[in-house]
Protein backbone atom coordinates (compact mmCIF):
# COMPACT_ATOMS: atom_id res chain seq x y z
CA MET A 1 -26.25 -10.45 -29.08
CA THR A 2 -28.12 -9.45 -25.93
CA LEU A 3 -26.06 -9.43 -22.74
CA THR A 4 -27.20 -9.12 -19.14
CA VAL A 5 -24.84 -7.56 -16.62
CA GLY A 6 -25.18 -8.18 -12.90
CA PRO A 7 -23.45 -9.53 -9.79
CA PHE A 8 -21.55 -12.75 -10.38
CA ALA A 9 -23.41 -15.52 -8.55
CA GLY A 10 -21.56 -18.57 -9.85
CA ALA A 11 -18.80 -20.70 -8.36
CA ALA A 12 -15.17 -19.63 -8.20
CA ALA A 13 -14.32 -22.41 -10.64
CA GLU A 14 -16.60 -20.91 -13.29
CA TRP A 15 -15.00 -17.48 -12.87
CA ASP A 16 -11.42 -18.77 -12.95
CA GLY A 17 -12.09 -21.18 -15.80
CA PHE A 18 -13.50 -18.37 -17.94
CA MET A 19 -10.75 -15.95 -16.91
CA ALA A 20 -7.91 -18.25 -17.95
CA GLY A 21 -9.18 -18.34 -21.53
CA GLN A 22 -9.30 -14.56 -22.01
CA GLU A 23 -6.74 -12.25 -23.53
CA GLY A 24 -5.15 -9.97 -20.96
CA TRP A 25 -5.90 -12.04 -17.85
CA THR A 26 -3.57 -11.72 -14.87
CA HIS A 27 -3.18 -13.30 -11.46
CA PHE A 28 -5.22 -10.45 -9.99
CA HIS A 29 -8.29 -11.50 -11.96
CA ARG A 30 -8.42 -14.75 -9.98
CA TYR A 31 -11.54 -15.07 -7.86
CA GLY A 32 -9.59 -15.62 -4.63
CA TRP A 33 -8.72 -11.92 -4.47
CA ARG A 34 -12.34 -11.22 -3.60
CA GLU A 35 -12.00 -13.09 -0.31
CA ILE A 36 -8.78 -11.19 0.45
CA TYR A 37 -10.34 -7.74 -0.10
CA GLU A 38 -13.38 -8.65 1.95
CA SER A 39 -11.65 -10.40 4.85
CA VAL A 40 -8.58 -8.17 5.25
CA PHE A 41 -9.93 -4.73 4.32
CA HIS A 42 -13.70 -5.24 4.63
CA HIS A 43 -14.16 -3.57 1.25
CA GLU A 44 -17.35 -4.11 -0.73
CA CYS A 45 -16.61 -6.25 -3.79
CA LEU A 46 -18.81 -5.80 -6.86
CA TYR A 47 -17.70 -8.79 -8.91
CA LEU A 48 -19.69 -8.55 -12.14
CA ALA A 49 -20.62 -10.96 -14.90
CA ALA A 50 -21.94 -10.37 -18.40
CA ARG A 51 -24.01 -13.32 -19.59
CA GLU A 52 -25.65 -14.25 -22.84
CA ALA A 53 -29.37 -15.06 -23.01
CA ASP A 54 -28.70 -18.75 -22.33
CA GLY A 55 -26.62 -17.93 -19.24
CA THR A 56 -23.24 -18.48 -20.87
CA LEU A 57 -20.55 -16.30 -19.34
CA ALA A 58 -19.32 -13.67 -21.81
CA GLY A 59 -17.34 -11.33 -19.57
CA ILE A 60 -16.21 -10.59 -16.01
CA LEU A 61 -15.15 -7.50 -14.08
CA PRO A 62 -13.71 -7.56 -10.54
CA LEU A 63 -14.57 -4.20 -8.97
CA VAL A 64 -13.85 -3.04 -5.41
CA ARG A 65 -15.23 -0.07 -3.52
CA VAL A 66 -12.69 1.89 -1.45
CA ARG A 67 -14.15 4.61 0.74
CA SER A 68 -12.45 6.95 3.20
CA LEU A 69 -13.42 10.23 4.87
CA VAL A 70 -9.88 11.50 4.27
CA PHE A 71 -9.14 10.26 0.75
CA GLY A 72 -12.56 9.91 -0.86
CA HIS A 73 -14.74 7.34 -2.56
CA TYR A 74 -13.43 5.10 -5.36
CA LEU A 75 -14.43 2.12 -7.47
CA VAL A 76 -11.27 0.40 -8.63
CA SER A 77 -10.33 -2.76 -10.52
CA LEU A 78 -8.22 -3.50 -8.64
CA PRO A 79 -6.96 -1.49 -5.64
CA PHE A 80 -3.40 -1.84 -4.28
CA VAL A 81 -2.26 -3.89 -7.30
CA ASN A 82 -1.40 -3.13 -10.91
CA TYR A 83 -4.03 -4.89 -12.99
CA GLY A 84 -7.71 -5.65 -13.22
CA GLY A 85 -10.35 -4.40 -15.60
CA PRO A 86 -12.92 -6.31 -17.63
CA LEU A 87 -12.21 -9.51 -19.55
CA GLY A 88 -14.26 -11.22 -22.23
CA SER A 89 -15.75 -10.49 -25.62
CA GLU A 90 -15.64 -6.94 -26.95
CA ALA A 91 -19.38 -6.56 -26.40
CA ALA A 92 -19.06 -7.86 -22.84
CA ILE A 93 -16.17 -5.51 -22.03
CA VAL A 94 -18.22 -2.56 -23.26
CA ALA A 95 -21.31 -3.66 -21.33
CA LEU A 96 -19.40 -4.24 -18.10
CA THR A 97 -17.65 -0.88 -18.37
CA GLU A 98 -20.93 0.93 -19.02
CA TRP A 99 -22.48 -0.77 -15.97
CA ALA A 100 -19.53 0.27 -13.79
CA ALA A 101 -19.61 3.85 -15.11
CA ALA A 102 -23.35 4.14 -14.46
CA ARG A 103 -22.92 2.76 -10.92
CA ALA A 104 -20.09 5.20 -10.25
CA ARG A 105 -22.27 8.13 -11.33
CA GLU A 106 -25.20 6.88 -9.28
CA ASP A 107 -23.05 6.48 -6.15
CA GLY A 108 -21.25 9.82 -6.54
CA VAL A 109 -17.89 8.10 -6.75
CA LYS A 110 -14.90 10.43 -6.97
CA LEU A 111 -13.12 8.15 -9.44
CA LEU A 112 -13.81 4.93 -11.30
CA GLU A 113 -10.52 3.34 -12.38
CA LEU A 114 -10.16 0.16 -14.45
CA ARG A 115 -6.49 -0.88 -14.39
CA SER A 116 -5.99 -2.80 -17.59
CA ARG A 117 -2.80 -4.37 -18.93
CA ARG A 118 -3.92 -3.68 -22.50
CA ALA A 119 -5.98 -1.29 -24.57
CA LEU A 120 -9.75 -1.82 -24.25
CA PRO A 121 -12.58 -0.97 -26.68
CA VAL A 122 -14.20 1.50 -24.27
CA ALA A 123 -14.95 5.21 -24.42
CA LEU A 124 -13.48 6.23 -21.05
CA PRO A 125 -10.40 8.47 -20.88
CA VAL A 126 -7.18 6.54 -20.34
CA SER A 127 -4.20 7.36 -18.12
CA HIS A 128 -0.63 6.21 -18.84
CA ARG A 129 0.80 7.80 -15.70
CA LYS A 130 2.11 4.39 -14.67
CA ILE A 131 4.13 1.88 -16.66
CA THR A 132 5.31 -1.63 -16.06
CA VAL A 133 8.80 -2.91 -16.80
CA VAL A 134 9.39 -6.41 -18.19
CA LEU A 135 12.35 -8.59 -19.08
CA ASP A 136 12.34 -11.53 -21.49
CA LEU A 137 13.91 -14.59 -19.89
CA PRO A 138 15.95 -17.31 -21.60
CA ALA A 139 15.66 -20.91 -20.49
CA GLU A 140 19.13 -20.89 -18.86
CA PRO A 141 19.91 -18.50 -15.98
CA GLU A 142 23.56 -18.47 -17.04
CA LYS A 143 22.61 -16.95 -20.39
CA LEU A 144 20.58 -14.27 -18.63
CA LEU A 145 23.47 -13.41 -16.32
CA LYS A 146 25.82 -13.01 -19.27
CA SER A 147 23.38 -10.56 -20.89
CA PHE A 148 23.70 -8.07 -18.04
CA GLU A 149 26.17 -5.19 -18.11
CA ALA A 150 29.35 -5.75 -16.11
CA LYS A 151 28.24 -3.47 -13.25
CA VAL A 152 24.97 -5.37 -12.82
CA ARG A 153 26.75 -8.74 -12.90
CA SER A 154 29.12 -7.51 -10.20
CA GLN A 155 26.23 -6.34 -8.01
CA VAL A 156 24.41 -9.64 -8.50
CA ARG A 157 27.44 -11.65 -7.42
CA ARG A 158 28.43 -9.46 -4.48
CA PRO A 159 25.75 -10.65 -1.99
CA GLY A 160 26.93 -14.25 -2.37
CA LYS A 161 30.52 -13.22 -1.73
CA GLU A 162 29.38 -11.44 1.44
CA GLY A 163 27.64 -14.58 2.71
CA ILE A 164 24.09 -13.53 1.84
CA THR A 165 21.70 -16.34 0.90
CA VAL A 166 18.13 -16.27 -0.41
CA ARG A 167 15.42 -18.54 0.97
CA PHE A 168 11.99 -19.19 -0.54
CA GLY A 169 8.82 -20.49 1.07
CA PRO A 170 5.72 -19.55 3.06
CA ASP A 171 7.85 -19.36 6.21
CA GLN A 172 9.45 -16.23 4.69
CA VAL A 173 6.28 -14.12 5.08
CA GLY A 174 7.28 -12.98 8.57
CA PRO A 175 10.82 -11.92 7.66
CA PHE A 176 9.53 -10.36 4.44
CA PHE A 177 7.07 -8.23 6.40
CA GLN A 178 9.75 -7.25 8.92
CA VAL A 179 11.83 -5.76 6.09
CA PHE A 180 8.81 -4.40 4.20
CA ALA A 181 7.37 -2.51 7.20
CA ARG A 182 10.68 -0.82 8.00
CA HIS A 183 11.34 0.03 4.35
CA MET A 184 7.90 1.59 3.95
CA ARG A 185 8.34 3.66 7.12
CA ASP A 186 11.71 4.86 5.84
CA LEU A 187 10.08 5.85 2.53
CA GLY A 188 7.41 7.76 4.43
CA THR A 189 4.60 5.49 3.25
CA PRO A 190 2.04 3.63 5.41
CA THR A 191 2.48 -0.13 5.31
CA GLN A 192 -0.07 -2.74 4.34
CA PRO A 193 -1.05 -5.03 7.23
CA ARG A 194 0.79 -8.27 7.93
CA GLU A 195 -2.62 -9.94 7.65
CA LEU A 196 -2.71 -9.13 3.92
CA PHE A 197 0.38 -11.17 3.16
CA ASP A 198 -0.60 -14.03 5.44
CA ARG A 199 -4.00 -14.19 3.75
CA ILE A 200 -2.50 -14.06 0.26
CA VAL A 201 -0.32 -17.08 0.97
CA ALA A 202 -3.27 -18.92 2.54
CA VAL A 203 -5.52 -18.27 -0.49
CA PHE A 204 -2.75 -18.69 -3.08
CA PRO A 205 -0.22 -21.24 -1.80
CA ASP A 206 1.73 -20.91 -5.07
CA THR A 207 2.76 -17.33 -4.17
CA TRP A 208 6.52 -16.78 -4.38
CA VAL A 209 7.96 -15.32 -1.16
CA GLY A 210 11.72 -14.93 -0.74
CA CYS A 211 14.15 -13.20 1.60
CA ALA A 212 17.85 -12.42 1.42
CA TRP A 213 19.57 -13.34 4.71
CA LEU A 214 22.89 -12.50 6.32
CA GLY A 215 23.25 -14.83 9.27
CA GLY A 216 20.02 -14.43 11.24
CA GLN A 217 19.08 -11.06 9.76
CA PRO A 218 16.73 -10.63 6.77
CA LEU A 219 18.05 -7.78 4.60
CA ALA A 220 15.65 -7.82 1.64
CA GLY A 221 12.39 -9.50 0.78
CA GLY A 222 10.05 -9.96 -2.15
CA MET A 223 6.63 -11.39 -2.92
CA GLY A 224 5.10 -12.01 -6.31
CA PHE A 225 2.88 -14.13 -8.49
CA ARG A 226 3.15 -16.36 -11.52
CA TRP A 227 0.46 -16.65 -14.16
CA GLY A 228 0.99 -18.50 -17.40
CA ARG A 229 4.59 -17.91 -18.49
CA GLU A 230 4.90 -14.62 -16.58
CA PHE A 231 6.04 -13.75 -13.07
CA GLU A 232 5.49 -10.36 -11.41
CA MET A 233 7.47 -9.09 -8.43
CA THR A 234 4.59 -7.25 -6.79
CA TRP A 235 6.29 -6.18 -3.55
CA ALA A 236 10.01 -5.90 -2.82
CA SER A 237 11.96 -4.08 -0.12
CA SER A 238 15.43 -3.91 1.37
CA LEU A 239 17.07 -2.29 4.38
CA TYR A 240 18.95 0.92 3.56
CA ALA A 241 21.61 0.18 6.17
CA TYR A 242 22.87 -2.77 4.09
CA ASN A 243 22.78 -1.16 0.63
CA LYS A 244 26.55 -1.53 0.19
CA LEU A 245 26.10 -5.32 0.23
CA SER A 246 23.54 -5.18 -2.63
CA PRO A 247 21.03 -7.58 -1.00
CA ASN A 248 18.27 -6.30 -3.26
CA MET A 249 20.25 -7.24 -6.37
CA GLY A 250 20.85 -10.71 -4.98
CA LEU A 251 17.17 -11.06 -4.15
CA TYR A 252 16.00 -10.09 -7.64
CA TRP A 253 18.56 -12.39 -9.22
CA ALA A 254 17.35 -15.31 -7.10
CA PHE A 255 13.78 -14.69 -8.28
CA MET A 256 14.94 -14.44 -11.90
CA GLU A 257 17.03 -17.59 -11.62
CA ARG A 258 14.07 -19.49 -10.19
CA ALA A 259 11.80 -18.12 -12.93
CA CYS A 260 14.16 -19.32 -15.66
CA ARG A 261 14.41 -22.79 -14.17
CA GLU A 262 10.61 -23.07 -13.86
CA GLY A 263 9.93 -22.16 -17.48
CA VAL A 264 8.85 -18.55 -16.98
CA THR A 265 9.61 -16.47 -20.07
CA LEU A 266 8.68 -12.95 -18.87
CA PHE A 267 9.84 -11.32 -15.64
CA ASN A 268 7.61 -8.39 -14.65
CA PHE A 269 9.19 -5.86 -12.29
CA GLY A 270 5.83 -4.28 -11.49
CA ARG A 271 4.55 -0.78 -11.97
CA CYS A 272 6.39 2.49 -11.48
CA SER A 273 6.30 6.12 -12.52
CA PRO A 274 8.35 6.93 -15.64
CA GLY A 275 11.72 8.42 -14.72
CA ALA A 276 11.45 7.66 -11.00
CA GLY A 277 14.20 5.96 -9.03
CA THR A 278 12.39 2.62 -9.11
CA HIS A 279 12.14 2.94 -12.89
CA ARG A 280 15.90 3.40 -13.16
CA PHE A 281 16.48 0.35 -10.94
CA LYS A 282 14.24 -1.80 -13.13
CA SER A 283 15.74 -0.51 -16.36
CA GLN A 284 19.32 -1.49 -15.48
CA TRP A 285 18.52 -5.18 -16.08
CA GLY A 286 18.10 -4.68 -19.83
CA SER A 287 14.33 -4.61 -19.54
CA ARG A 288 11.74 -2.71 -21.57
CA ASP A 289 8.83 -0.45 -20.64
CA GLU A 290 5.19 -1.26 -21.33
CA PRO A 291 2.40 1.31 -20.93
CA LEU A 292 -0.47 0.56 -18.59
CA TRP A 293 -4.01 1.35 -19.69
CA TRP A 294 -5.88 2.73 -16.69
CA TYR A 295 -9.35 3.81 -17.78
CA GLN A 296 -10.98 6.48 -15.64
CA GLN A 297 -14.23 8.28 -15.03
CA ALA A 298 -14.04 11.21 -12.65
CA ARG A 299 -17.04 12.71 -10.90
CA ASP A 300 -18.75 15.51 -12.85
CA GLY A 301 -16.47 14.85 -15.81
CA GLY A 302 -13.50 16.54 -14.16
CA GLU A 303 -10.03 15.16 -13.50
CA ALA A 304 -9.12 12.94 -10.58
CA ALA A 305 -6.52 10.42 -9.54
CA THR A 306 -6.02 8.06 -6.67
CA PRO A 307 -4.17 9.67 -3.72
CA SER A 308 -0.41 9.98 -4.13
CA PRO A 309 2.39 11.59 -2.10
CA ASP A 310 3.38 13.29 -5.36
CA SER A 311 0.19 15.33 -5.04
CA GLY A 312 0.53 18.69 -3.32
CA ALA A 313 -2.38 17.89 -1.02
CA PHE A 314 -0.53 14.90 0.47
CA ALA A 315 3.13 15.89 -0.01
CA TRP A 316 3.48 16.60 3.71
CA GLY A 317 2.62 13.01 4.62
CA PRO A 318 5.97 11.27 3.88
CA ARG A 319 7.93 13.89 5.80
CA VAL A 320 5.85 13.25 8.91
CA TRP A 321 5.69 9.47 8.49
CA ARG A 322 9.46 9.00 8.30
CA LYS A 323 9.77 10.48 11.81
CA LEU A 324 7.37 8.00 13.44
CA PRO A 325 8.73 5.18 15.60
CA LEU A 326 8.68 1.95 13.61
CA GLY A 327 6.23 0.21 15.96
CA LEU A 328 3.76 3.08 15.79
CA ALA A 329 4.03 3.40 12.01
CA THR A 330 3.48 -0.35 11.59
CA ALA A 331 0.48 -0.30 13.93
CA ILE A 332 -1.40 2.63 12.41
CA GLY A 333 -0.24 2.33 8.81
CA PRO A 334 -2.84 -0.31 7.83
CA ARG A 335 -5.68 1.94 9.05
CA VAL A 336 -4.47 4.66 6.70
CA VAL A 337 -3.54 2.59 3.67
CA ARG A 338 -6.87 0.71 3.47
CA GLY A 339 -8.42 3.93 2.13
CA ILE A 340 -5.74 4.50 -0.55
CA PRO A 341 -6.45 2.41 -3.64
């Protein structure tokens, strides 16, 4: 079978229709993410298609260029999120990966990274430095609650006893970002722009956005996506000052309860580093780890990774960032983070 690889020039409906029939597809393969990367970050999007001789679509690969004088030059599928990579027939996946690898070499890219949820039939080295954590959901939330250890059940119930309630809806984007921006500053990490989350909800109205409230104060917030029978909590934050009230536990439980009632069978806590604090938080729910398959090609055949505060070269960053006034950190953070895939 002869395949031709080149820029995807079809309609969004063709892309999404093909995507939904492929093994390993995720919400982040949806064509609408292209508009988000282009409009919010002004990144170049190389959305690729592999087609058979008669024009039939055989494979797709969403690829985004992220370039920064400070952090370097990357081609990633997809930046800022957990999944991407090629979809389609085995031959198409190979052809798309070879095209991307050749383009990365031609452009002198520091790192090509294809963030797949599953193993792919490609020759690139693979990194398992990140994992995802998932929890199988029963149909009844009550059954799920009973499956938790006593300590977790107590923490889940505590927010309600303290008067904390969780609200869902697009009107929660503002409160979510209020909590998210402060939490990121406190972690020492630049925040994504508010525009990103507004645009996501505009492009994908089915996005789940929820906040835990105490009176008129949002204490925790989360945003995530459903695809098929799976939901992923992609972003979640809470205010350290209210940790004793366990608002984050109440928030996660509200998302899980909603997922059960809407027929979701897999709750995805999102990616983390094995053994990190976020990994321990996600593991307490009785979940299980799944490896991520991030295929990489570094310039000149060496080793490379996307920038991380765990790296010695950037370890100073969080210490400085935590000391910034919240308004300043929120204002300049998006200019920094757009170059960190």
